[in-house]
Amino acid sequence: MAILKMNKIRIYGLLDDRNAVLEELQKSGLVEICEPDAQEAQFAETANAIAGFDRDMQSAESALSVLDEFAPEKSGLFTSKRSLSMDDYQMAEDNEALVATFSRLTDLRSMIQVRTQHLREANAKLPDEEQDELVKQDPEVLGYIAEITELDGQRRQIELFIDHLGLLKDKYQALAKTALTEHAFMIEGFIPEIHGADLKAGLESKYTAFVELSEPDEEEDVPVAFKNNAFTAPVETITETYSMPSTTDLDPNPIMSFFYYLFFGIMFGDAGYGLLMAVVCGYLGFSDRLDKEKRRNYIMFFYCGLSTVFWGVMFGGFFGDIIYTISFTFFGSAFALTPLWMDPIAQAMDLLMYSIAIGIVHILIGLSIKVYTLSRQGKIVDAVCDVGFWMLIFVGVSGMALGMGMESPGLSSGGQWITIAGAAGIALTGGRKSKGIVGKLFGGVAALYNITGYISDALSYCRLMALCLASGAIANVINLLGTMSGNTVIGFILFIVIGLFGHGVNFAMGALGAYVHTNRLQYVEYFSKFYEGGGRKFVPFRMNTRFYRFSDE
């Protein structure tokens, strides 16, 4: 569970093996190719070829858009790429017939547009609805559409052609970064250390090539990639969206994943909503219905759903109070789901205090990571003075609050002295880098002003309570509205209709709110305490396609 260590890789080989080696690297998807600093080497000019691929792809895309417009393909909401073995992946060298199809499809769309415009001008006095009906029934237009429908049989070939051109474009872009001599080539890039030895053995056994693996230089722009377990890996996209780690950062994902699922579950806070999310996202995330890169977000929301189920049980919410509402309205009983911990609506202030307490723990963990990072860099004084004293203040204030809540004078007094010690430390050391006695003195006092920022950060965790309360209260109101017609047949039907619509809207709003505010707590309150970011994501040379998934099977 860490940031993958990268190696610099250099591949030397005979010119005759250049294309085969590039294709091997593209299939493996393990190497990010960069332009080498090679003296007395030449580079292939591929700009014209790439421009040609772009023109052909644009023509194919235009033809495909004609098919989508006039002969749309039926597809489900969640679709994945079609599988195709590498043995069956063959494109004819001569694609004149396919290119002619592209031209014919675009011509047919133009003729439909011209004919439509002519009909509209000839019947300008008719209402718009009767101009549209004339167009739909026009024999000439119907003939053009029928021909387009016949050409829809080549849709798969067009899609494969687009993927084929995309792969060729990527290959030629990599070729432009390949150093060439009269008889040899050299490819340079980055590869995760864990894959280096296997790739080296494979290439050297298949080709007349030599693979060199080495440590990157400190000044090099080394890309960053994560390696985490199944529980943590889904939230890597959250970190990637913010910023990749710098060379001095730790991987924030292992700790963040726990708090991410925790916060989302508390804010969504309903076992019924969580169960629905876990079932749907679990199916989409763990089945082969979607491509691997698309499944990661659904797996993340699957864990968020499980957390929501847990907190829903703790709060006694299952689609709000629907169990009590149904039992009381339609069966005359008072059966209800009892909270295992607390009722957020009845004990809102308690939940508020717990939310802030969780937030303080979250902030303290972020500060602890900063202490560790600075200490690892040898900046012990900075770790103690710039971070450690603030941690003392947090611990001291928490002790004071806990002591007052538990009516423990000793705990309150201890927390007070810890707070004073932390504040004194900041006042004495906060201006240590300023010049002159006055600067050092007032710099330390001014540093204490940052307490307002920390207080604001701690109060930001009130959103845990607020969103939980809002989601539960709205769910209860929806259930109440559904009982307006009482225990009748119409009342039962109305209850179902209002429940489906109302809970559907509340589910969407609650899930969106929990997602946005959980991200906000990570980005603003957590990452700001220790995370520098600014790294570059590892982007390997691979089989990057839109419609097909190629495999060796």
Protein backbone atom coordinates (compact mmCIF):
# COMPACT_ATOMS: atom_id res chain seq x y z
CA MET A 1 0.00 0.00 0.00
CA ALA A 2 2.24 2.72 -1.27
CA ILE A 3 3.54 4.73 -4.16
CA LEU A 4 5.19 2.46 -6.71
CA LYS A 5 8.93 2.90 -7.07
CA MET A 6 9.86 3.78 -10.65
CA ASN A 7 12.90 2.66 -12.61
CA LYS A 8 14.40 4.28 -15.65
CA ILE A 9 14.34 1.85 -18.56
CA ARG A 10 16.43 1.95 -21.74
CA ILE A 11 15.89 -0.58 -24.50
CA TYR A 12 18.60 -1.05 -27.14
CA GLY A 13 17.96 -3.22 -30.18
CA LEU A 14 18.46 -3.82 -33.88
CA LEU A 15 16.47 -1.58 -36.20
CA ASP A 16 14.72 -4.59 -37.73
CA ASP A 17 13.08 -5.34 -34.35
CA ARG A 18 11.94 -1.79 -33.66
CA ASN A 19 8.28 -2.16 -34.68
CA ALA A 20 7.91 -5.53 -32.97
CA VAL A 21 9.36 -4.17 -29.72
CA LEU A 22 7.05 -1.15 -29.82
CA GLU A 23 4.04 -3.42 -30.34
CA GLU A 24 5.21 -5.58 -27.45
CA LEU A 25 5.44 -2.54 -25.19
CA GLN A 26 2.01 -1.35 -26.32
CA LYS A 27 0.46 -4.72 -25.44
CA SER A 28 2.16 -4.84 -22.05
CA GLY A 29 1.08 -1.33 -20.99
CA LEU A 30 3.98 -1.11 -18.52
CA VAL A 31 6.28 1.58 -19.91
CA GLU A 32 5.83 5.34 -20.20
CA ILE A 33 7.99 6.35 -23.15
CA CYS A 34 9.82 9.66 -23.08
CA GLU A 35 12.16 11.31 -25.55
CA PRO A 36 15.76 10.35 -24.76
CA ASP A 37 18.67 12.74 -24.54
CA ALA A 38 20.70 10.84 -27.12
CA GLN A 39 23.51 12.56 -28.98
CA GLU A 40 24.20 11.80 -32.64
CA ALA A 41 20.84 10.02 -32.91
CA GLN A 42 18.04 10.64 -35.33
CA PHE A 43 14.29 10.51 -34.81
CA ALA A 44 11.68 9.38 -37.28
CA GLU A 45 9.46 12.08 -38.77
CA THR A 46 5.94 10.87 -38.03
CA ALA A 47 3.95 14.12 -38.10
CA ASN A 48 2.59 13.56 -41.60
CA ALA A 49 1.55 9.99 -40.85
CA ILE A 50 -0.18 11.07 -37.61
CA ALA A 51 -2.00 13.85 -39.47
CA GLY A 52 -3.20 11.22 -41.96
CA PHE A 53 -4.47 9.02 -39.14
CA ASP A 54 -6.33 12.01 -37.70
CA ARG A 55 -7.99 12.73 -41.07
CA ASP A 56 -9.06 9.12 -41.49
CA MET A 57 -10.35 8.96 -37.92
CA GLN A 58 -12.36 12.14 -38.48
CA SER A 59 -13.94 10.61 -41.59
CA ALA A 60 -14.75 7.40 -39.72
CA GLU A 61 -16.19 9.34 -36.77
CA SER A 62 -18.36 11.37 -39.14
CA ALA A 63 -19.65 8.20 -40.80
CA LEU A 64 -20.39 6.65 -37.41
CA SER A 65 -22.32 9.76 -36.38
CA VAL A 66 -24.54 9.31 -39.48
CA LEU A 67 -25.36 5.76 -38.40
CA ASP A 68 -26.06 6.93 -34.84
CA GLU A 69 -28.40 9.63 -36.15
CA PHE A 70 -30.44 7.66 -38.70
CA ALA A 71 -29.92 4.02 -37.65
CA PRO A 72 -29.23 4.21 -33.89
CA GLU A 73 -27.99 1.07 -32.21
CA LYS A 74 -29.92 -0.24 -29.22
CA SER A 75 -27.69 -0.38 -26.19
CA GLY A 76 -28.10 -0.55 -22.44
CA LEU A 77 -27.29 2.16 -19.95
CA PHE A 78 -24.10 0.37 -18.91
CA THR A 79 -22.08 -1.13 -21.75
CA SER A 80 -18.52 -2.36 -22.04
CA LYS A 81 -16.05 -2.76 -24.84
CA ARG A 82 -16.37 -5.81 -27.04
CA SER A 83 -13.68 -8.44 -26.59
CA LEU A 84 -11.48 -9.40 -29.50
CA SER A 85 -8.48 -11.68 -29.44
CA MET A 86 -5.23 -10.47 -30.93
CA ASP A 87 -5.31 -13.38 -33.36
CA ASP A 88 -8.61 -12.11 -34.77
CA TYR A 89 -7.48 -8.49 -34.82
CA GLN A 90 -6.67 -7.98 -38.46
CA MET A 91 -7.17 -4.93 -40.61
CA ALA A 92 -6.82 -5.11 -44.38
CA GLU A 93 -4.00 -3.07 -45.82
CA ASP A 94 -6.34 -1.75 -48.50
CA ASN A 95 -9.29 0.02 -46.87
CA GLU A 96 -10.59 1.77 -49.99
CA ALA A 97 -13.98 0.05 -49.75
CA LEU A 98 -14.41 1.16 -46.14
CA VAL A 99 -13.33 4.71 -46.95
CA ALA A 100 -15.89 4.72 -49.78
CA THR A 101 -18.53 3.77 -47.21
CA PHE A 102 -17.53 6.77 -45.12
CA SER A 103 -18.00 9.06 -48.09
CA ARG A 104 -21.33 7.49 -49.03
CA LEU A 105 -22.71 7.90 -45.51
CA THR A 106 -21.74 11.55 -45.28
CA ASP A 107 -23.15 12.14 -48.78
CA LEU A 108 -26.44 10.54 -47.77
CA ARG A 109 -26.69 12.82 -44.74
CA SER A 110 -26.04 15.84 -46.94
CA MET A 111 -28.74 14.75 -49.40
CA ILE A 112 -31.21 14.29 -46.54
CA GLN A 113 -30.40 17.78 -45.30
CA VAL A 114 -30.82 19.30 -48.77
CA ARG A 115 -34.11 17.47 -49.35
CA THR A 116 -35.38 18.50 -45.91
CA GLN A 117 -34.53 22.14 -46.58
CA HIS A 118 -36.30 21.98 -49.95
CA LEU A 119 -39.46 20.54 -48.37
CA ARG A 120 -39.47 23.18 -45.67
CA GLU A 121 -39.14 26.00 -48.18
CA ALA A 122 -41.86 24.54 -50.43
CA ASN A 123 -44.27 24.21 -47.48
CA ALA A 124 -43.30 27.31 -45.51
CA LYS A 125 -46.95 28.16 -44.73
CA LEU A 126 -47.62 24.90 -42.91
CA PRO A 127 -47.13 24.61 -39.11
CA ASP A 128 -43.81 23.14 -37.99
CA GLU A 129 -45.41 19.87 -36.91
CA GLU A 130 -46.87 19.29 -40.45
CA GLN A 131 -43.37 20.28 -42.07
CA ASP A 132 -41.72 17.52 -39.86
CA GLU A 133 -44.40 14.93 -40.79
CA LEU A 134 -43.88 15.65 -44.51
CA VAL A 135 -40.15 15.07 -44.12
CA LYS A 136 -40.67 11.77 -42.34
CA GLN A 137 -43.03 10.51 -45.06
CA ASP A 138 -41.11 11.79 -48.07
CA PRO A 139 -40.14 8.83 -50.34
CA GLU A 140 -36.81 10.36 -51.27
CA VAL A 141 -35.81 10.87 -47.64
CA LEU A 142 -37.04 7.38 -46.76
CA GLY A 143 -34.90 5.97 -49.55
CA TYR A 144 -31.79 7.69 -48.23
CA ILE A 145 -32.50 6.43 -44.72
CA ALA A 146 -33.04 2.89 -46.02
CA GLU A 147 -29.60 2.96 -47.67
CA ILE A 148 -28.04 4.22 -44.44
CA THR A 149 -29.73 1.36 -42.58
CA GLU A 150 -28.23 -1.13 -45.04
CA LEU A 151 -24.77 0.33 -44.46
CA ASP A 152 -25.26 -0.11 -40.70
CA GLY A 153 -23.98 -3.65 -41.21
CA GLN A 154 -20.49 -2.16 -41.44
CA ARG A 155 -20.74 -0.43 -38.05
CA ARG A 156 -18.47 -2.95 -36.33
CA GLN A 157 -15.86 -2.61 -39.05
CA ILE A 158 -15.97 1.18 -38.72
CA GLU A 159 -15.55 0.98 -34.94
CA LEU A 160 -12.64 -1.43 -35.31
CA PHE A 161 -11.10 0.89 -37.88
CA ILE A 162 -11.30 3.82 -35.43
CA ASP A 163 -9.60 1.78 -32.71
CA HIS A 164 -7.01 0.56 -35.21
CA LEU A 165 -6.14 4.12 -36.23
CA GLY A 166 -5.97 5.17 -32.60
CA LEU A 167 -3.47 2.42 -31.85
CA LEU A 168 -1.41 3.35 -34.90
CA LYS A 169 -1.42 7.00 -33.86
CA ASP A 170 -0.16 6.11 -30.38
CA LYS A 171 2.48 3.86 -31.90
CA TYR A 172 3.74 6.56 -34.24
CA GLN A 173 3.84 9.06 -31.39
CA ALA A 174 6.02 6.60 -29.49
CA LEU A 175 8.10 6.06 -32.62
CA ALA A 176 8.77 9.80 -32.78
CA LYS A 177 10.46 9.49 -29.34
CA THR A 178 12.61 6.52 -30.41
CA ALA A 179 16.27 7.33 -31.05
CA LEU A 180 17.59 5.81 -34.28
CA THR A 181 20.97 5.11 -35.81
CA GLU A 182 21.75 3.40 -39.07
CA HIS A 183 21.31 -0.11 -37.63
CA ALA A 184 19.91 0.26 -34.12
CA PHE A 185 17.27 1.98 -32.00
CA MET A 186 16.97 3.09 -28.39
CA ILE A 187 13.77 3.56 -26.37
CA GLU A 188 13.82 5.35 -23.02
CA GLY A 189 11.12 5.69 -20.40
CA PHE A 190 9.87 4.76 -16.94
CA ILE A 191 8.55 1.47 -15.61
CA PRO A 192 7.38 0.38 -12.13
CA GLU A 193 10.25 -1.45 -10.47
CA ILE A 194 8.10 -4.51 -9.75
CA HIS A 195 7.62 -5.11 -13.50
CA GLY A 196 11.11 -4.26 -14.74
CA ALA A 197 12.80 -7.64 -14.40
CA ASP A 198 9.99 -9.58 -16.12
CA LEU A 199 9.81 -7.18 -19.06
CA LYS A 200 13.60 -7.24 -19.42
CA ALA A 201 13.63 -11.04 -19.50
CA GLY A 202 10.80 -11.18 -22.02
CA LEU A 203 12.25 -8.67 -24.47
CA GLU A 204 15.79 -10.04 -24.32
CA SER A 205 14.56 -13.59 -24.93
CA LYS A 206 12.44 -12.67 -27.97
CA TYR A 207 14.59 -10.07 -29.70
CA THR A 208 18.18 -9.08 -30.24
CA ALA A 209 17.91 -6.44 -27.56
CA PHE A 210 19.44 -5.26 -24.33
CA VAL A 211 17.31 -3.74 -21.54
CA GLU A 212 18.94 -1.48 -18.95
CA LEU A 213 17.15 -0.71 -15.67
CA SER A 214 18.44 2.02 -13.37
CA GLU A 215 17.48 4.51 -10.66
CA PRO A 216 16.13 7.81 -12.03
CA ASP A 217 18.19 10.93 -11.39
CA GLU A 218 16.90 13.29 -8.70
CA GLU A 219 16.22 16.10 -11.16
CA GLU A 220 14.14 13.93 -13.50
CA ASP A 221 10.37 14.35 -13.74
CA VAL A 222 9.49 10.85 -12.54
CA PRO A 223 5.81 9.86 -12.93
CA VAL A 224 3.78 8.57 -10.00
CA ALA A 225 1.59 5.46 -9.74
CA PHE A 226 -0.20 3.85 -6.79
CA LYS A 227 -0.29 0.24 -5.62
CA ASN A 228 -3.02 -0.42 -3.04
CA ASN A 229 -5.31 -3.20 -1.90
CA ALA A 230 -8.89 -3.71 -3.06
CA PHE A 231 -10.32 -1.60 -0.22
CA THR A 232 -8.08 1.41 -0.85
CA ALA A 233 -7.53 1.36 -4.63
CA PRO A 234 -11.04 2.67 -5.54
CA VAL A 235 -10.38 6.06 -3.87
CA GLU A 236 -7.16 6.62 -5.82
CA THR A 237 -9.23 8.55 -8.37
CA ILE A 238 -10.13 11.03 -5.61
CA THR A 239 -6.44 11.76 -5.02
CA GLU A 240 -5.68 11.81 -8.75
CA THR A 241 -8.43 14.40 -9.27
CA TYR A 242 -6.82 16.62 -6.63
CA SER A 243 -3.15 16.13 -7.49
CA MET A 244 -0.65 13.31 -7.69
CA PRO A 245 1.87 13.10 -4.81
CA SER A 246 5.17 14.93 -4.94
CA THR A 247 8.46 13.13 -4.37
CA THR A 248 8.27 13.92 -0.63
CA ASP A 249 4.63 12.92 -0.09
CA LEU A 250 3.38 9.69 1.39
CA ASP A 251 0.53 7.84 -0.30
CA PRO A 252 -2.55 9.46 1.28
CA ASN A 253 -4.99 6.81 0.05
CA PRO A 254 -4.79 4.10 2.76
CA ILE A 255 -5.84 6.41 5.59
CA MET A 256 -8.10 8.52 3.38
CA SER A 257 -10.08 5.48 2.22
CA PHE A 258 -11.21 4.68 5.78
CA PHE A 259 -12.34 8.25 6.45
CA TYR A 260 -13.85 8.59 2.98
CA TYR A 261 -16.18 5.64 3.48
CA LEU A 262 -16.82 6.74 7.09
CA PHE A 263 -17.83 10.29 6.19
CA PHE A 264 -19.96 9.25 3.22
CA GLY A 265 -21.83 6.69 5.33
CA ILE A 266 -22.57 9.17 8.13
CA MET A 267 -23.76 11.89 5.74
CA PHE A 268 -25.97 9.56 3.67
CA GLY A 269 -26.99 7.81 6.88
CA ASP A 270 -29.89 5.59 5.72
CA ALA A 271 -29.70 1.79 5.57
CA GLY A 272 -32.25 1.55 2.75
CA TYR A 273 -30.41 4.01 0.54
CA GLY A 274 -27.10 2.36 1.38
CA LEU A 275 -28.40 -1.10 0.57
CA LEU A 276 -29.69 0.10 -2.79
CA MET A 277 -26.35 1.74 -3.58
CA ALA A 278 -24.33 -1.29 -2.48
CA VAL A 279 -26.39 -3.75 -4.56
CA VAL A 280 -26.37 -1.71 -7.78
CA CYS A 281 -22.76 -0.51 -7.54
CA GLY A 282 -21.55 -3.91 -6.34
CA TYR A 283 -23.04 -5.55 -9.43
CA LEU A 284 -21.54 -2.96 -11.79
CA GLY A 285 -18.20 -2.87 -9.98
CA PHE A 286 -17.47 -6.57 -9.51
CA SER A 287 -19.04 -8.03 -12.66
CA ASP A 288 -17.52 -7.96 -16.15
CA ARG A 289 -20.33 -5.80 -17.52
CA LEU A 290 -18.13 -2.71 -17.59
CA ASP A 291 -14.49 -2.19 -18.51
CA LYS A 292 -11.95 -2.45 -15.72
CA GLU A 293 -11.13 1.26 -15.68
CA LYS A 294 -14.84 2.15 -15.34
CA ARG A 295 -15.51 -0.34 -12.54
CA ARG A 296 -13.28 1.35 -9.96
CA ASN A 297 -15.70 4.19 -9.19
CA TYR A 298 -18.58 1.74 -8.75
CA ILE A 299 -16.49 -0.32 -6.34
CA MET A 300 -15.81 2.87 -4.36
CA PHE A 301 -19.54 3.59 -4.13
CA PHE A 302 -20.15 -0.04 -3.18
CA TYR A 303 -18.03 0.47 -0.07
CA CYS A 304 -19.74 3.81 0.51
CA GLY A 305 -23.05 1.95 0.36
CA LEU A 306 -21.90 -0.61 2.92
CA SER A 307 -20.82 2.20 5.24
CA THR A 308 -24.21 3.87 4.74
CA VAL A 309 -25.99 0.63 5.66
CA PHE A 310 -23.95 0.41 8.87
CA TRP A 311 -24.64 3.99 9.91
CA GLY A 312 -28.27 3.67 8.86
CA VAL A 313 -28.65 0.80 11.29
CA MET A 314 -26.86 2.81 13.98
CA PHE A 315 -29.22 5.75 13.35
CA GLY A 316 -32.36 3.65 12.88
CA GLY A 317 -33.07 4.83 9.33
CA PHE A 318 -34.38 2.59 6.55
CA PHE A 319 -35.87 4.84 3.85
CA GLY A 320 -36.50 7.21 6.74
CA ASP A 321 -39.13 5.85 9.12
CA ILE A 322 -40.91 3.88 6.41
CA ILE A 323 -41.19 0.74 8.55
CA TYR A 324 -43.04 2.62 11.29
CA THR A 325 -45.14 4.55 8.75
CA ILE A 326 -46.32 1.40 6.95
CA SER A 327 -47.00 -0.53 10.14
CA PHE A 328 -48.96 2.34 11.74
CA THR A 329 -50.90 3.47 8.65
CA PHE A 330 -51.81 0.18 7.05
CA PHE A 331 -51.62 -2.36 9.89
CA GLY A 332 -52.48 -0.32 12.98
CA SER A 333 -49.33 -1.29 14.88
CA ALA A 334 -46.36 0.73 16.06
CA PHE A 335 -43.44 -1.43 14.92
CA ALA A 336 -40.32 0.63 14.19
CA LEU A 337 -36.60 0.17 13.53
CA THR A 338 -34.85 1.12 16.75
CA PRO A 339 -31.49 2.96 16.46
CA LEU A 340 -28.57 0.99 17.81
CA TRP A 341 -26.77 4.21 18.76
CA MET A 342 -28.76 7.43 18.43
CA ASP A 343 -31.63 9.09 16.60
CA PRO A 344 -30.01 11.97 14.62
CA ILE A 345 -33.19 14.06 14.63
CA ALA A 346 -33.92 13.65 18.34
CA GLN A 347 -30.25 13.90 19.39
CA ALA A 348 -28.95 16.42 16.87
CA MET A 349 -26.64 18.19 19.33
CA ASP A 350 -25.04 14.92 20.38
CA LEU A 351 -24.39 14.05 16.74
CA LEU A 352 -22.94 17.54 16.22
CA MET A 353 -20.44 17.02 19.04
CA TYR A 354 -19.44 13.61 17.73
CA SER A 355 -19.04 15.04 14.21
CA ILE A 356 -16.62 17.70 15.44
CA ALA A 357 -14.76 15.09 17.52
CA ILE A 358 -14.32 12.88 14.45
CA GLY A 359 -13.12 15.93 12.55
CA ILE A 360 -10.51 16.74 15.18
CA VAL A 361 -9.20 13.16 14.98
CA HIS A 362 -9.05 13.48 11.18
CA ILE A 363 -7.11 16.75 11.39
CA LEU A 364 -4.74 15.34 14.02
CA ILE A 365 -3.94 12.38 11.78
CA GLY A 366 -3.17 14.78 8.92
CA LEU A 367 -0.87 16.79 11.20
CA SER A 368 0.79 13.56 12.40
CA ILE A 369 1.59 12.65 8.81
CA LYS A 370 3.15 16.08 8.38
CA VAL A 371 5.30 15.53 11.48
CA TYR A 372 6.44 12.20 10.07
CA THR A 373 7.18 13.69 6.63
CA LEU A 374 9.22 16.56 8.06
CA SER A 375 11.09 14.22 10.42
CA ARG A 376 11.93 11.91 7.51
CA GLN A 377 13.45 14.91 5.75
CA GLY A 378 15.53 15.76 8.82
CA LYS A 379 13.46 18.83 9.71
CA ILE A 380 12.86 17.89 13.33
CA VAL A 381 12.63 21.49 14.60
CA ASP A 382 10.04 22.38 11.96
CA ALA A 383 8.07 19.25 12.81
CA VAL A 384 7.90 20.17 16.50
CA CYS A 385 7.47 23.93 16.22
CA ASP A 386 5.24 24.25 13.14
CA VAL A 387 3.08 21.17 13.66
CA GLY A 388 3.65 19.59 17.06
CA PHE A 389 2.55 22.59 19.09
CA TRP A 390 -0.67 22.89 17.09
CA MET A 391 -1.35 19.24 17.85
CA LEU A 392 -0.94 20.04 21.55
CA ILE A 393 -3.55 22.79 21.23
CA PHE A 394 -6.00 20.41 19.54
CA VAL A 395 -5.46 17.76 22.18
CA GLY A 396 -5.75 20.29 24.98
CA VAL A 397 -8.96 21.88 23.69
CA SER A 398 -10.45 18.44 23.14
CA GLY A 399 -9.57 17.50 26.71
CA MET A 400 -11.18 20.67 28.03
CA ALA A 401 -14.38 20.04 26.06
CA LEU A 402 -14.50 16.39 27.09
CA GLY A 403 -13.89 17.31 30.71
CA MET A 404 -16.78 19.77 30.70
CA GLY A 405 -19.05 17.24 29.06
CA MET A 406 -18.13 14.52 31.56
CA GLU A 407 -18.08 17.01 34.45
CA SER A 408 -14.47 16.08 35.20
CA PRO A 409 -12.52 19.08 36.58
CA GLY A 410 -9.25 17.18 36.43
CA LEU A 411 -9.61 16.43 32.72
CA SER A 412 -10.61 20.03 32.00
CA SER A 413 -7.66 21.38 33.98
CA GLY A 414 -5.23 19.04 32.25
CA GLY A 415 -6.57 20.03 28.85
CA GLN A 416 -6.21 23.70 29.78
CA TRP A 417 -2.53 23.33 30.69
CA ILE A 418 -1.81 21.35 27.50
CA THR A 419 -3.47 24.10 25.46
CA ILE A 420 -1.40 26.76 27.21
CA ALA A 421 1.78 24.77 26.58
CA GLY A 422 0.99 24.48 22.87
CA ALA A 423 0.13 28.18 22.55
CA ALA A 424 3.31 29.17 24.39
CA GLY A 425 5.38 26.98 22.11
CA ILE A 426 3.92 28.64 19.02
CA ALA A 427 4.37 32.13 20.46
CA LEU A 428 8.02 31.44 21.28
CA THR A 429 9.00 29.65 18.05
CA GLY A 430 6.57 30.85 15.37
CA GLY A 431 8.79 33.79 14.44
CA ARG A 432 12.11 31.95 14.66
CA LYS A 433 12.84 32.41 10.95
CA SER A 434 12.25 36.17 11.06
CA LYS A 435 15.15 38.61 11.29
CA GLY A 436 15.70 40.62 14.47
CA ILE A 437 14.35 40.30 17.98
CA VAL A 438 11.17 42.24 17.20
CA GLY A 439 10.43 40.10 14.16
CA LYS A 440 10.95 36.89 16.09
CA LEU A 441 8.76 38.07 18.99
CA PHE A 442 5.85 39.43 17.00
CA GLY A 443 6.14 36.69 14.38
CA GLY A 444 5.41 34.11 17.05
CA VAL A 445 2.45 36.02 18.40
CA ALA A 446 1.10 36.53 14.88
CA ALA A 447 1.40 32.80 14.23
CA LEU A 448 -1.24 32.20 16.89
CA TYR A 449 -3.73 33.94 14.61
CA ASN A 450 -3.80 30.73 12.59
CA ILE A 451 -5.99 29.32 15.36
CA THR A 452 -8.96 30.82 13.50
CA GLY A 453 -8.19 28.65 10.50
CA TYR A 454 -7.98 25.51 12.62
CA ILE A 455 -11.26 26.36 14.38
CA SER A 456 -12.88 26.83 10.97
CA ASP A 457 -11.51 23.46 9.83
CA ALA A 458 -12.90 21.70 12.91
CA LEU A 459 -16.31 23.32 12.49
CA SER A 460 -16.39 22.20 8.86
CA TYR A 461 -17.13 18.70 10.10
CA CYS A 462 -20.56 19.93 11.24
CA ARG A 463 -21.60 19.00 7.72
CA LEU A 464 -21.54 15.35 8.83
CA MET A 465 -24.45 16.09 11.14
CA ALA A 466 -26.18 18.52 8.79
CA LEU A 467 -26.38 16.22 5.77
CA CYS A 468 -27.33 13.21 7.88
CA LEU A 469 -30.12 15.24 9.46
CA ALA A 470 -31.32 16.61 6.13
CA SER A 471 -31.43 13.22 4.41
CA GLY A 472 -33.32 11.60 7.29
CA ALA A 473 -35.79 14.46 7.76
CA ILE A 474 -36.65 14.62 4.05
CA ALA A 475 -37.17 10.85 3.97
CA ASN A 476 -39.57 11.10 6.91
CA VAL A 477 -41.51 13.92 5.21
CA ILE A 478 -41.82 11.83 2.03
CA ASN A 479 -43.25 8.95 4.05
CA LEU A 480 -45.68 11.31 5.78
CA LEU A 481 -46.88 12.77 2.47
CA GLY A 482 -47.50 9.27 1.18
CA THR A 483 -50.06 8.61 3.95
CA MET A 484 -52.31 11.57 3.11
CA SER A 485 -55.12 9.32 1.79
CA GLY A 486 -54.94 6.95 4.74
CA ASN A 487 -55.53 3.21 4.79
CA THR A 488 -57.37 2.87 1.47
CA VAL A 489 -56.61 1.30 -1.88
CA ILE A 490 -56.03 4.74 -3.37
CA GLY A 491 -53.97 5.65 -0.30
CA PHE A 492 -51.78 2.58 -0.76
CA ILE A 493 -51.22 3.34 -4.46
CA LEU A 494 -50.50 6.99 -3.64
CA PHE A 495 -48.05 5.91 -0.95
CA ILE A 496 -46.12 3.80 -3.48
CA VAL A 497 -46.07 6.52 -6.15
CA ILE A 498 -44.99 9.29 -3.75
CA GLY A 499 -42.48 6.96 -2.10
CA LEU A 500 -40.81 5.91 -5.35
CA PHE A 501 -40.57 9.45 -6.67
CA GLY A 502 -39.71 11.15 -3.38
CA HIS A 503 -37.13 8.63 -2.21
CA GLY A 504 -35.63 8.53 -5.69
CA VAL A 505 -35.07 12.29 -5.63
CA ASN A 506 -33.83 12.21 -2.02
CA PHE A 507 -31.46 9.36 -2.86
CA ALA A 508 -29.96 11.32 -5.75
CA MET A 509 -29.64 14.53 -3.73
CA GLY A 510 -28.27 12.75 -0.66
CA ALA A 511 -25.72 10.74 -2.62
CA LEU A 512 -24.53 13.81 -4.53
CA GLY A 513 -24.29 15.86 -1.34
CA ALA A 514 -22.39 13.13 0.50
CA TYR A 515 -19.98 12.73 -2.42
CA VAL A 516 -19.27 16.45 -2.81
CA HIS A 517 -18.86 17.17 0.90
CA THR A 518 -16.80 14.05 1.56
CA ASN A 519 -14.42 15.17 -1.17
CA ARG A 520 -14.36 18.64 0.34
CA LEU A 521 -13.36 17.34 3.77
CA GLN A 522 -10.50 15.38 2.20
CA TYR A 523 -9.24 18.14 -0.08
CA VAL A 524 -9.55 21.16 2.23
CA GLU A 525 -9.41 19.94 5.83
CA TYR A 526 -7.20 16.85 5.42
CA PHE A 527 -4.85 17.27 2.47
CA SER A 528 -4.02 20.86 3.42
CA LYS A 529 -2.34 19.64 6.62
CA PHE A 530 0.39 17.54 5.03
CA TYR A 531 -0.04 17.02 1.28
CA GLU A 532 2.07 18.96 -1.23
CA GLY A 533 1.00 17.31 -4.48
CA GLY A 534 2.24 18.48 -7.86
CA GLY A 535 3.35 15.07 -9.08
CA ARG A 536 2.75 13.70 -12.57
CA LYS A 537 0.55 10.67 -13.18
CA PHE A 538 2.16 7.61 -14.77
CA VAL A 539 0.73 7.28 -18.30
CA PRO A 540 2.04 4.10 -19.93
CA PHE A 541 2.12 3.34 -23.64
CA ARG A 542 -0.75 0.86 -23.95
CA MET A 543 -3.67 -0.45 -25.98
CA ASN A 544 -5.89 2.60 -25.62
CA THR A 545 -9.17 1.91 -27.44
CA ARG A 546 -12.82 3.06 -27.46
CA PHE A 547 -14.82 0.11 -28.79
CA TYR A 548 -12.77 -3.08 -28.49
CA ARG A 549 -10.81 -4.77 -25.74
CA PHE A 550 -7.95 -6.80 -27.16
CA SER A 551 -6.56 -9.85 -25.41
CA ASP A 552 -4.27 -12.78 -26.09
CA GLU A 553 -7.09 -15.26 -25.39
